[in-house]
């Protein structure tokens, strides 16, 4: 199937692709049609954000920033027995 897209619709597709969430116009249209199929009242998800290697590393560093302040737990804390010890 071929569909001719012009004007504002073409501009919207280009903007979505420039934001980095989609690689092709087909992906943008496919996502838009999938959202239409979900029905009213469903909050749409934002397009996935593709991170550069530097952004990914910064995110990992941010997650690990306070890891040295976390308490060290005894390995027994994660045993099956310790998880279910208060259940009869």
Protein backbone atom coordinates (compact mmCIF):
# COMPACT_ATOMS: atom_id res chain seq x y z
CA UNK A 1 0.00 0.00 0.00
CA UNK A 2 1.25 3.46 -0.77
CA UNK A 3 0.00 6.63 0.87
CA UNK A 4 0.90 10.13 -0.25
CA UNK A 5 1.68 12.42 2.68
CA UNK A 6 2.00 16.15 2.21
CA UNK A 7 2.00 19.40 4.14
CA UNK A 8 1.70 19.41 7.92
CA UNK A 9 1.68 15.61 8.18
CA UNK A 10 5.04 15.38 6.44
CA UNK A 11 6.42 18.04 8.76
CA UNK A 12 5.22 16.12 11.83
CA UNK A 13 6.88 12.92 10.58
CA UNK A 14 10.16 14.75 9.97
CA UNK A 15 10.02 16.33 13.46
CA UNK A 16 9.44 12.93 15.07
CA UNK A 17 12.39 11.44 13.21
CA UNK A 18 14.66 14.37 14.17
CA UNK A 19 13.86 13.81 17.85
CA UNK A 20 15.60 10.47 17.54
CA UNK A 21 12.77 8.14 18.43
CA UNK A 22 12.29 6.71 14.96
CA UNK A 23 14.59 5.71 12.10
CA UNK A 24 12.10 5.69 9.24
CA UNK A 25 8.84 7.42 8.29
CA UNK A 26 7.20 3.99 8.34
CA UNK A 27 8.01 3.61 12.05
CA UNK A 28 6.38 6.97 12.81
CA UNK A 29 3.22 6.10 10.87
CA UNK A 30 3.10 2.60 12.36
CA UNK A 31 3.34 3.97 15.90
CA UNK A 32 0.67 6.59 15.20
CA UNK A 33 -1.71 3.95 13.84
CA UNK A 34 -1.00 1.64 16.79
CA UNK A 35 -1.90 4.47 19.17
CA UNK A 36 -5.15 5.08 17.30
CA UNK A 37 -5.96 1.42 17.69
CA UNK A 38 -5.53 1.58 21.47
CA UNK A 39 -8.70 3.61 21.81
CA UNK A 40 -9.56 6.78 23.68
CA UNK A 41 -8.48 7.24 27.25
CA UNK A 42 -5.16 5.47 26.85
CA UNK A 43 -2.21 7.74 27.48
CA UNK A 44 0.27 7.35 24.64
CA UNK A 45 3.83 6.42 25.43
CA UNK A 46 6.57 8.79 24.34
CA UNK A 47 8.80 7.53 21.55
CA UNK A 48 11.88 5.65 22.73
CA UNK A 49 14.94 7.82 23.21
CA UNK A 50 18.14 6.54 21.68
CA UNK A 51 21.12 7.37 23.85
CA UNK A 52 24.61 7.97 22.65
CA UNK A 53 27.37 5.98 24.33
CA UNK A 54 28.30 9.08 26.36
CA UNK A 55 24.70 9.64 27.53
CA UNK A 56 24.39 5.98 28.46
CA UNK A 57 27.61 6.12 30.49
CA UNK A 58 26.46 9.30 32.24
CA UNK A 59 23.20 7.58 33.18
CA UNK A 60 25.07 4.59 34.57
CA UNK A 61 27.35 6.90 36.55
CA UNK A 62 24.33 8.72 37.97
CA UNK A 63 22.71 5.45 39.03
CA UNK A 64 25.94 4.35 40.75
CA UNK A 65 26.62 7.75 42.32
CA UNK A 66 25.51 6.76 45.84
CA UNK A 67 26.30 3.06 45.61
CA UNK A 68 29.21 3.40 48.05
CA UNK A 69 26.71 4.59 50.69
CA UNK A 70 24.49 1.53 50.40
CA UNK A 71 24.77 -0.99 53.21
CA UNK A 72 26.44 -4.29 52.49
CA UNK A 73 23.99 -7.07 53.19
CA UNK A 74 24.82 -10.54 54.36
CA UNK A 75 24.40 -13.05 51.51
CA UNK A 76 21.90 -14.91 53.71
CA UNK A 77 19.57 -11.90 53.32
CA UNK A 78 18.84 -13.10 49.80
CA UNK A 79 18.37 -16.78 50.54
CA UNK A 80 15.03 -18.42 49.93
CA UNK A 81 14.73 -19.21 53.63
CA UNK A 82 15.26 -15.61 54.72
CA UNK A 83 12.78 -14.26 52.19
CA UNK A 84 10.02 -16.62 53.38
CA UNK A 85 10.99 -16.93 57.07
CA UNK A 86 7.98 -14.94 58.33
CA UNK A 87 5.42 -17.00 56.38
CA UNK A 88 3.71 -20.02 57.82
